[in-house]
Amino acid sequence: MIFYVREKIFSFGDDFTIRDIDGYDAYKVKSKIFSFGNKLKLYSMDDRELVYIEQKLFKFLPEYLIYENGFVTAVLKKEFSFFKPRLRIDSQHGNFYIEGNIFAYNFTIYRNGIPVAEIYKKAFTFTDTYEVNIDDNESYPFILSLVIAIDQIFHDDRNQR
């Protein structure tokens, strides 16, 4: 399934709209405005919270916790690398890792060594916009939460050092 993840232009914090391939709203992401570290929630269109994403503070390399139904189901950690960005995910959904290209615009998500999602960041747009192609056997909210975490780690202007 193909989704389009787009950060909202006029919003306080990091809010996103996620549309399906036909252009219909599928999910929405809202962030906490005044908080230490990034805290975002992914909702269904009927306002059910599906995933909570929280940045762990005071880490040398970025680290995020992914919560589903109030329980931590994944820990996403950026790994040190010189050329290609790489993230490791310790998850109840399986063994995941993410590799990106040298410019951190395109990423592949692997589960147990097999590609399960492709992420393409659109260039020359006013806001961060991604095309995400997810294998139909995967949890869409979980994979989309990884995409949001990737945006926070590599492309969030508030976090650029």
N, C-alpha and C. Protein backbone atom coordinates (compact mmCIF):
# COMPACT_ATOMS: atom_id res chain seq x y z
N MET A 1 0.85 -1.17 0.00
CA MET A 1 0.00 0.00 0.00
C MET A 1 0.89 1.24 0.00
N ILE A 2 0.51 2.23 -0.74
CA ILE A 2 1.27 3.47 -0.82
C ILE A 2 0.56 4.55 -0.02
N PHE A 3 1.34 5.25 0.81
CA PHE A 3 0.84 6.37 1.60
C PHE A 3 1.70 7.60 1.30
N TYR A 4 1.10 8.76 1.50
CA TYR A 4 1.82 10.02 1.37
C TYR A 4 1.76 10.72 2.72
N VAL A 5 2.94 10.95 3.30
CA VAL A 5 3.05 11.58 4.61
C VAL A 5 3.52 13.01 4.38
N ARG A 6 2.73 13.97 4.87
CA ARG A 6 3.06 15.36 4.63
C ARG A 6 2.92 16.16 5.92
N GLU A 7 3.98 16.89 6.24
CA GLU A 7 3.93 17.76 7.41
C GLU A 7 3.05 18.96 7.09
N LYS A 8 2.23 19.35 8.04
CA LYS A 8 1.34 20.49 7.83
C LYS A 8 2.15 21.79 7.85
N ILE A 9 1.80 22.70 6.95
CA ILE A 9 2.55 23.96 6.83
C ILE A 9 2.28 24.87 8.03
N PHE A 10 1.03 25.16 8.29
CA PHE A 10 0.68 26.13 9.32
C PHE A 10 0.20 25.41 10.58
N SER A 11 1.16 24.89 11.32
CA SER A 11 0.80 24.25 12.59
C SER A 11 1.91 24.51 13.59
N PHE A 12 1.54 24.56 14.85
CA PHE A 12 2.53 24.66 15.90
C PHE A 12 2.97 23.24 16.22
N GLY A 13 4.26 23.01 16.14
CA GLY A 13 4.76 21.66 16.37
C GLY A 13 4.85 20.88 15.07
N ASP A 14 4.95 19.59 15.18
CA ASP A 14 5.09 18.70 14.03
C ASP A 14 3.80 17.93 13.83
N ASP A 15 2.90 18.45 13.03
CA ASP A 15 1.65 17.76 12.72
C ASP A 15 1.71 17.28 11.27
N PHE A 16 1.20 16.08 11.03
CA PHE A 16 1.26 15.47 9.70
C PHE A 16 -0.12 15.00 9.28
N THR A 17 -0.32 14.96 7.97
CA THR A 17 -1.48 14.30 7.38
C THR A 17 -0.94 13.12 6.60
N ILE A 18 -1.59 11.98 6.70
CA ILE A 18 -1.18 10.79 5.96
C ILE A 18 -2.34 10.39 5.07
N ARG A 19 -2.08 10.37 3.77
CA ARG A 19 -3.13 10.04 2.79
C ARG A 19 -2.79 8.73 2.10
N ASP A 20 -3.84 8.05 1.64
CA ASP A 20 -3.62 6.82 0.88
C ASP A 20 -3.34 7.17 -0.58
N ILE A 21 -3.14 6.16 -1.39
CA ILE A 21 -2.77 6.36 -2.79
C ILE A 21 -3.85 7.11 -3.58
N ASP A 22 -5.10 7.03 -3.12
CA ASP A 22 -6.20 7.72 -3.80
C ASP A 22 -6.39 9.15 -3.31
N GLY A 23 -5.56 9.57 -2.36
CA GLY A 23 -5.65 10.94 -1.86
C GLY A 23 -6.57 11.14 -0.68
N TYR A 24 -7.13 10.06 -0.14
CA TYR A 24 -8.01 10.16 1.02
C TYR A 24 -7.20 10.16 2.31
N ASP A 25 -7.63 10.98 3.28
CA ASP A 25 -6.97 10.99 4.58
C ASP A 25 -7.09 9.61 5.22
N ALA A 26 -5.96 9.06 5.65
CA ALA A 26 -5.94 7.74 6.26
C ALA A 26 -5.59 7.81 7.75
N TYR A 27 -4.64 8.68 8.10
CA TYR A 27 -4.19 8.85 9.47
C TYR A 27 -3.81 10.31 9.67
N LYS A 28 -3.65 10.68 10.94
CA LYS A 28 -3.14 12.01 11.26
C LYS A 28 -2.18 11.89 12.43
N VAL A 29 -1.22 12.79 12.46
CA VAL A 29 -0.21 12.80 13.52
C VAL A 29 -0.23 14.18 14.16
N LYS A 30 -0.29 14.19 15.48
CA LYS A 30 -0.26 15.44 16.23
C LYS A 30 0.87 15.38 17.24
N SER A 31 1.55 16.52 17.42
CA SER A 31 2.65 16.56 18.36
C SER A 31 2.28 17.41 19.57
N LYS A 32 2.97 17.15 20.67
CA LYS A 32 2.85 17.99 21.85
C LYS A 32 3.72 19.21 21.59
N ILE A 33 3.15 20.39 21.77
CA ILE A 33 3.89 21.61 21.43
C ILE A 33 4.96 21.93 22.46
N PHE A 34 4.59 22.03 23.71
CA PHE A 34 5.53 22.42 24.75
C PHE A 34 5.93 21.20 25.55
N SER A 35 7.00 20.54 25.12
CA SER A 35 7.48 19.36 25.83
C SER A 35 8.98 19.24 25.64
N PHE A 36 9.60 18.54 26.54
CA PHE A 36 11.02 18.24 26.39
C PHE A 36 11.14 17.01 25.52
N GLY A 37 11.77 17.15 24.38
CA GLY A 37 11.86 16.05 23.43
C GLY A 37 10.60 15.96 22.59
N ASN A 38 10.68 15.22 21.52
CA ASN A 38 9.54 15.06 20.62
C ASN A 38 8.56 14.03 21.19
N LYS A 39 7.29 14.38 21.15
CA LYS A 39 6.21 13.48 21.57
C LYS A 39 5.10 13.62 20.54
N LEU A 40 4.83 12.54 19.82
CA LEU A 40 3.83 12.57 18.76
C LEU A 40 2.87 11.40 18.90
N LYS A 41 1.64 11.62 18.43
CA LYS A 41 0.64 10.55 18.45
C LYS A 41 0.07 10.38 17.05
N LEU A 42 -0.03 9.12 16.63
CA LEU A 42 -0.64 8.78 15.35
C LEU A 42 -2.07 8.32 15.63
N TYR A 43 -3.02 8.96 14.95
CA TYR A 43 -4.44 8.68 15.15
C TYR A 43 -5.07 8.13 13.89
N SER A 44 -6.10 7.33 14.06
CA SER A 44 -6.96 6.96 12.94
C SER A 44 -7.83 8.18 12.64
N MET A 45 -8.55 8.15 11.54
CA MET A 45 -9.38 9.30 11.18
C MET A 45 -10.60 9.46 12.10
N ASP A 46 -10.91 8.43 12.88
CA ASP A 46 -11.99 8.57 13.87
C ASP A 46 -11.43 8.88 15.26
N ASP A 47 -10.20 9.44 15.29
CA ASP A 47 -9.54 9.95 16.50
C ASP A 47 -9.17 8.88 17.53
N ARG A 48 -8.97 7.65 17.10
CA ARG A 48 -8.44 6.62 18.01
C ARG A 48 -6.92 6.70 17.98
N GLU A 49 -6.29 6.78 19.16
CA GLU A 49 -4.83 6.79 19.21
C GLU A 49 -4.32 5.39 18.88
N LEU A 50 -3.46 5.30 17.89
CA LEU A 50 -2.91 4.01 17.47
C LEU A 50 -1.47 3.83 17.95
N VAL A 51 -0.68 4.90 17.87
CA VAL A 51 0.74 4.82 18.22
C VAL A 51 1.15 6.12 18.91
N TYR A 52 1.99 5.98 19.93
CA TYR A 52 2.59 7.13 20.61
C TYR A 52 4.09 7.03 20.40
N ILE A 53 4.72 8.12 19.97
CA ILE A 53 6.15 8.15 19.67
C ILE A 53 6.80 9.15 20.63
N GLU A 54 7.83 8.71 21.35
CA GLU A 54 8.47 9.58 22.33
C GLU A 54 9.99 9.52 22.19
N GLN A 55 10.60 10.69 22.14
CA GLN A 55 12.05 10.79 22.07
C GLN A 55 12.64 10.59 23.46
N LYS A 56 13.66 9.75 23.55
CA LYS A 56 14.39 9.60 24.82
C LYS A 56 15.44 10.70 24.85
N LEU A 57 15.50 11.40 25.96
CA LEU A 57 16.42 12.52 26.09
C LEU A 57 17.78 12.07 26.62
N PHE A 58 18.75 12.95 26.46
CA PHE A 58 20.10 12.77 26.99
C PHE A 58 20.79 11.53 26.43
N LYS A 59 20.60 11.29 25.15
CA LYS A 59 21.27 10.20 24.45
C LYS A 59 22.27 10.79 23.47
N PHE A 60 23.43 10.15 23.30
CA PHE A 60 24.44 10.63 22.36
C PHE A 60 23.89 10.61 20.94
N LEU A 61 23.24 9.52 20.56
CA LEU A 61 22.58 9.41 19.27
C LEU A 61 21.07 9.31 19.52
N PRO A 62 20.26 9.85 18.59
CA PRO A 62 18.81 9.87 18.81
C PRO A 62 18.22 8.47 19.07
N GLU A 63 17.24 8.47 19.97
CA GLU A 63 16.55 7.23 20.32
C GLU A 63 15.08 7.55 20.57
N TYR A 64 14.20 6.70 20.04
CA TYR A 64 12.76 6.90 20.18
C TYR A 64 12.09 5.63 20.68
N LEU A 65 11.05 5.81 21.50
CA LEU A 65 10.22 4.70 21.95
C LEU A 65 8.92 4.75 21.18
N ILE A 66 8.44 3.59 20.76
CA ILE A 66 7.17 3.46 20.06
C ILE A 66 6.22 2.69 21.00
N TYR A 67 5.09 3.30 21.31
CA TYR A 67 4.09 2.69 22.19
C TYR A 67 2.85 2.33 21.37
N GLU A 68 2.30 1.17 21.65
CA GLU A 68 1.00 0.76 21.10
C GLU A 68 0.18 0.23 22.27
N ASN A 69 -1.04 0.72 22.41
CA ASN A 69 -1.93 0.33 23.51
C ASN A 69 -1.29 0.55 24.88
N GLY A 70 -0.48 1.61 25.00
CA GLY A 70 0.13 1.95 26.27
C GLY A 70 1.39 1.20 26.62
N PHE A 71 1.84 0.29 25.77
CA PHE A 71 3.04 -0.51 26.03
C PHE A 71 4.11 -0.22 25.00
N VAL A 72 5.37 -0.21 25.44
CA VAL A 72 6.49 -0.02 24.51
C VAL A 72 6.58 -1.26 23.64
N THR A 73 6.44 -1.07 22.33
CA THR A 73 6.55 -2.20 21.40
C THR A 73 7.80 -2.11 20.54
N ALA A 74 8.49 -0.96 20.60
CA ALA A 74 9.72 -0.84 19.80
C ALA A 74 10.59 0.27 20.36
N VAL A 75 11.90 0.08 20.20
CA VAL A 75 12.88 1.10 20.51
C VAL A 75 13.70 1.31 19.25
N LEU A 76 13.70 2.55 18.76
CA LEU A 76 14.40 2.90 17.53
C LEU A 76 15.65 3.68 17.91
N LYS A 77 16.82 3.20 17.45
CA LYS A 77 18.09 3.84 17.79
C LYS A 77 18.88 4.13 16.53
N LYS A 78 19.37 5.36 16.44
CA LYS A 78 20.26 5.71 15.33
C LYS A 78 21.62 5.10 15.63
N GLU A 79 22.22 4.46 14.61
CA GLU A 79 23.54 3.88 14.77
C GLU A 79 24.57 4.81 14.17
N PHE A 80 25.76 4.79 14.71
CA PHE A 80 26.84 5.62 14.18
C PHE A 80 27.30 5.05 12.84
N SER A 81 27.32 5.90 11.82
CA SER A 81 27.84 5.49 10.51
C SER A 81 28.33 6.73 9.79
N PHE A 82 29.31 6.54 8.92
CA PHE A 82 29.91 7.68 8.23
C PHE A 82 29.13 8.12 7.00
N PHE A 83 28.64 7.19 6.21
CA PHE A 83 28.08 7.57 4.92
C PHE A 83 26.58 7.34 4.81
N LYS A 84 26.13 6.17 5.15
CA LYS A 84 24.70 5.86 5.02
C LYS A 84 24.05 5.87 6.38
N PRO A 85 22.95 6.62 6.52
CA PRO A 85 22.25 6.58 7.80
C PRO A 85 21.67 5.19 8.06
N ARG A 86 21.75 4.77 9.31
CA ARG A 86 21.25 3.44 9.68
C ARG A 86 20.60 3.54 11.05
N LEU A 87 19.46 2.88 11.18
CA LEU A 87 18.75 2.82 12.45
C LEU A 87 18.43 1.37 12.77
N ARG A 88 18.48 1.05 14.05
CA ARG A 88 18.13 -0.29 14.51
C ARG A 88 16.85 -0.20 15.32
N ILE A 89 15.97 -1.18 15.14
CA ILE A 89 14.71 -1.20 15.87
C ILE A 89 14.60 -2.51 16.62
N ASP A 90 14.55 -2.42 17.94
CA ASP A 90 14.26 -3.59 18.77
C ASP A 90 12.75 -3.59 18.96
N SER A 91 12.07 -4.60 18.40
CA SER A 91 10.62 -4.54 18.32
C SER A 91 9.95 -5.87 18.61
N GLN A 92 8.71 -5.79 19.10
CA GLN A 92 7.89 -6.98 19.26
C GLN A 92 7.32 -7.43 17.92
N HIS A 93 7.44 -6.60 16.89
CA HIS A 93 6.94 -6.94 15.55
C HIS A 93 7.96 -7.74 14.73
N GLY A 94 9.18 -7.89 15.24
CA GLY A 94 10.23 -8.60 14.51
C GLY A 94 11.54 -7.83 14.57
N ASN A 95 12.56 -8.36 13.92
CA ASN A 95 13.86 -7.71 13.89
C ASN A 95 13.92 -6.75 12.71
N PHE A 96 13.91 -5.45 12.99
CA PHE A 96 13.90 -4.43 11.96
C PHE A 96 15.21 -3.65 11.96
N TYR A 97 15.57 -3.15 10.79
CA TYR A 97 16.58 -2.10 10.69
C TYR A 97 16.25 -1.26 9.47
N ILE A 98 16.77 -0.04 9.49
CA ILE A 98 16.48 0.91 8.43
C ILE A 98 17.80 1.42 7.87
N GLU A 99 17.91 1.42 6.55
CA GLU A 99 19.08 1.99 5.89
C GLU A 99 18.64 3.08 4.95
N GLY A 100 19.43 4.15 4.91
CA GLY A 100 19.12 5.26 4.02
C GLY A 100 20.25 5.54 3.06
N ASN A 101 19.96 6.42 2.09
CA ASN A 101 21.02 6.82 1.17
C ASN A 101 21.87 7.91 1.83
N ILE A 102 22.92 8.31 1.17
CA ILE A 102 23.89 9.23 1.76
C ILE A 102 23.28 10.58 2.14
N PHE A 103 22.23 11.00 1.45
CA PHE A 103 21.60 12.29 1.74
C PHE A 103 20.42 12.16 2.70
N ALA A 104 20.13 10.97 3.18
CA ALA A 104 19.02 10.70 4.10
C ALA A 104 17.68 11.11 3.50
N TYR A 105 17.51 10.90 2.19
CA TYR A 105 16.24 11.21 1.53
C TYR A 105 15.45 9.95 1.21
N ASN A 106 16.11 8.85 0.99
CA ASN A 106 15.44 7.59 0.68
C ASN A 106 15.88 6.55 1.70
N PHE A 107 14.91 5.76 2.16
CA PHE A 107 15.19 4.74 3.16
C PHE A 107 14.49 3.44 2.79
N THR A 108 15.07 2.34 3.25
CA THR A 108 14.43 1.04 3.14
C THR A 108 14.32 0.47 4.55
N ILE A 109 13.14 -0.04 4.87
CA ILE A 109 12.91 -0.70 6.16
C ILE A 109 12.94 -2.20 5.92
N TYR A 110 13.78 -2.90 6.68
CA TYR A 110 13.93 -4.35 6.56
C TYR A 110 13.39 -5.01 7.81
N ARG A 111 12.71 -6.13 7.62
CA ARG A 111 12.30 -6.98 8.75
C ARG A 111 12.89 -8.35 8.49
N ASN A 112 13.68 -8.84 9.43
CA ASN A 112 14.36 -10.13 9.29
C ASN A 112 15.13 -10.20 7.98
N GLY A 113 15.75 -9.07 7.59
CA GLY A 113 16.59 -9.01 6.40
C GLY A 113 15.85 -8.83 5.09
N ILE A 114 14.53 -8.76 5.12
CA ILE A 114 13.73 -8.64 3.89
C ILE A 114 13.11 -7.24 3.84
N PRO A 115 13.22 -6.53 2.70
CA PRO A 115 12.61 -5.20 2.60
C PRO A 115 11.09 -5.27 2.75
N VAL A 116 10.55 -4.43 3.65
CA VAL A 116 9.09 -4.40 3.87
C VAL A 116 8.50 -3.03 3.58
N ALA A 117 9.35 -2.01 3.42
CA ALA A 117 8.85 -0.67 3.10
C ALA A 117 9.95 0.16 2.46
N GLU A 118 9.53 1.01 1.54
CA GLU A 118 10.43 1.97 0.88
C GLU A 118 9.91 3.37 1.19
N ILE A 119 10.83 4.28 1.51
CA ILE A 119 10.46 5.65 1.85
C ILE A 119 11.23 6.58 0.93
N TYR A 120 10.50 7.49 0.29
CA TYR A 120 11.12 8.46 -0.62
C TYR A 120 10.72 9.86 -0.17
N LYS A 121 11.71 10.66 0.22
CA LYS A 121 11.43 12.05 0.60
C LYS A 121 11.38 12.88 -0.67
N LYS A 122 10.32 13.66 -0.80
CA LYS A 122 10.16 14.52 -1.97
C LYS A 122 11.07 15.74 -1.81
N ALA A 123 11.78 16.08 -2.89
CA ALA A 123 12.64 17.26 -2.89
C ALA A 123 11.84 18.47 -3.37
N PHE A 124 12.33 19.63 -3.03
CA PHE A 124 11.76 20.89 -3.50
C PHE A 124 10.30 21.08 -3.10
N THR A 125 9.97 20.76 -1.86
CA THR A 125 8.63 21.00 -1.34
C THR A 125 8.75 21.93 -0.13
N PHE A 126 7.67 22.64 0.18
CA PHE A 126 7.68 23.57 1.31
C PHE A 126 7.73 22.86 2.64
N THR A 127 7.17 21.68 2.70
CA THR A 127 7.15 20.91 3.95
C THR A 127 7.73 19.53 3.68
N ASP A 128 8.09 18.84 4.75
CA ASP A 128 8.59 17.47 4.60
C ASP A 128 7.46 16.60 4.06
N THR A 129 7.72 15.95 2.92
CA THR A 129 6.72 15.11 2.26
C THR A 129 7.38 13.80 1.86
N TYR A 130 6.73 12.69 2.17
CA TYR A 130 7.29 11.37 1.89
C TYR A 130 6.27 10.51 1.15
N GLU A 131 6.78 9.70 0.24
CA GLU A 131 5.98 8.62 -0.34
C GLU A 131 6.46 7.35 0.34
N VAL A 132 5.53 6.58 0.89
CA VAL A 132 5.87 5.38 1.65
C VAL A 132 5.15 4.20 1.03
N ASN A 133 5.90 3.21 0.58
CA ASN A 133 5.33 2.00 -0.01
C ASN A 133 5.53 0.86 0.99
N ILE A 134 4.44 0.40 1.60
CA ILE A 134 4.49 -0.60 2.67
C ILE A 134 3.94 -1.92 2.17
N ASP A 135 4.66 -3.00 2.47
CA ASP A 135 4.19 -4.35 2.14
C ASP A 135 2.84 -4.58 2.82
N ASP A 136 1.92 -5.20 2.13
CA ASP A 136 0.56 -5.40 2.64
C ASP A 136 0.49 -6.28 3.88
N ASN A 137 1.53 -7.06 4.17
CA ASN A 137 1.53 -7.94 5.34
C ASN A 137 2.02 -7.24 6.61
N GLU A 138 2.39 -5.97 6.50
CA GLU A 138 2.93 -5.24 7.65
C GLU A 138 1.86 -4.38 8.32
N SER A 139 2.12 -3.99 9.54
CA SER A 139 1.23 -3.08 10.27
C SER A 139 1.46 -1.66 9.76
N TYR A 140 0.47 -1.10 9.07
CA TYR A 140 0.63 0.25 8.52
C TYR A 140 0.93 1.29 9.61
N PRO A 141 0.17 1.32 10.72
CA PRO A 141 0.48 2.34 11.74
C PRO A 141 1.90 2.21 12.30
N PHE A 142 2.36 0.98 12.51
CA PHE A 142 3.71 0.80 13.05
C PHE A 142 4.75 1.31 12.07
N ILE A 143 4.67 0.92 10.81
CA ILE A 143 5.65 1.36 9.81
C ILE A 143 5.58 2.88 9.64
N LEU A 144 4.38 3.45 9.62
CA LEU A 144 4.25 4.90 9.49
C LEU A 144 4.83 5.62 10.70
N SER A 145 4.75 5.01 11.88
CA SER A 145 5.38 5.62 13.05
C SER A 145 6.90 5.64 12.90
N LEU A 146 7.47 4.63 12.25
CA LEU A 146 8.91 4.64 11.97
C LEU A 146 9.26 5.77 11.01
N VAL A 147 8.40 6.02 10.03
CA VAL A 147 8.63 7.11 9.07
C VAL A 147 8.62 8.46 9.81
N ILE A 148 7.69 8.64 10.72
CA ILE A 148 7.63 9.89 11.50
C ILE A 148 8.90 10.04 12.33
N ALA A 149 9.37 8.97 12.94
CA ALA A 149 10.60 9.02 13.72
C ALA A 149 11.79 9.36 12.83
N ILE A 150 11.85 8.80 11.62
CA ILE A 150 12.92 9.13 10.67
C ILE A 150 12.90 10.63 10.38
N ASP A 151 11.71 11.18 10.15
CA ASP A 151 11.61 12.62 9.90
C ASP A 151 12.14 13.41 11.09
N GLN A 152 11.79 13.01 12.29
CA GLN A 152 12.25 13.73 13.48
C GLN A 152 13.77 13.66 13.62
N ILE A 153 14.35 12.53 13.30
CA ILE A 153 15.79 12.35 13.45
C ILE A 153 16.58 13.10 12.38
N PHE A 154 16.15 13.01 11.13
CA PHE A 154 16.96 13.53 10.04
C PHE A 154 16.49 14.85 9.44
N HIS A 155 15.22 15.20 9.58
CA HIS A 155 14.71 16.35 8.83
C HIS A 155 13.93 17.36 9.66
N ASP A 156 13.87 17.21 10.96
CA ASP A 156 13.13 18.16 11.79
C ASP A 156 14.01 19.38 12.04
N ASP A 157 13.60 20.53 11.54
CA ASP A 157 14.40 21.75 11.65
C ASP A 157 14.67 22.14 13.09
N ARG A 158 13.77 21.81 14.01
CA ARG A 158 13.99 22.16 15.42
C ARG A 158 15.17 21.39 16.00
N ASN A 159 15.48 20.22 15.43
CA ASN A 159 16.51 19.37 16.01
C ASN A 159 17.84 19.44 15.28
N GLN A 160 17.92 20.24 14.22
CA GLN A 160 19.18 20.31 13.47
C GLN A 160 20.24 20.97 14.34
N ARG A 161 21.38 20.34 14.39
CA ARG A 161 22.47 20.87 15.22
C ARG A 161 23.51 21.50 14.33
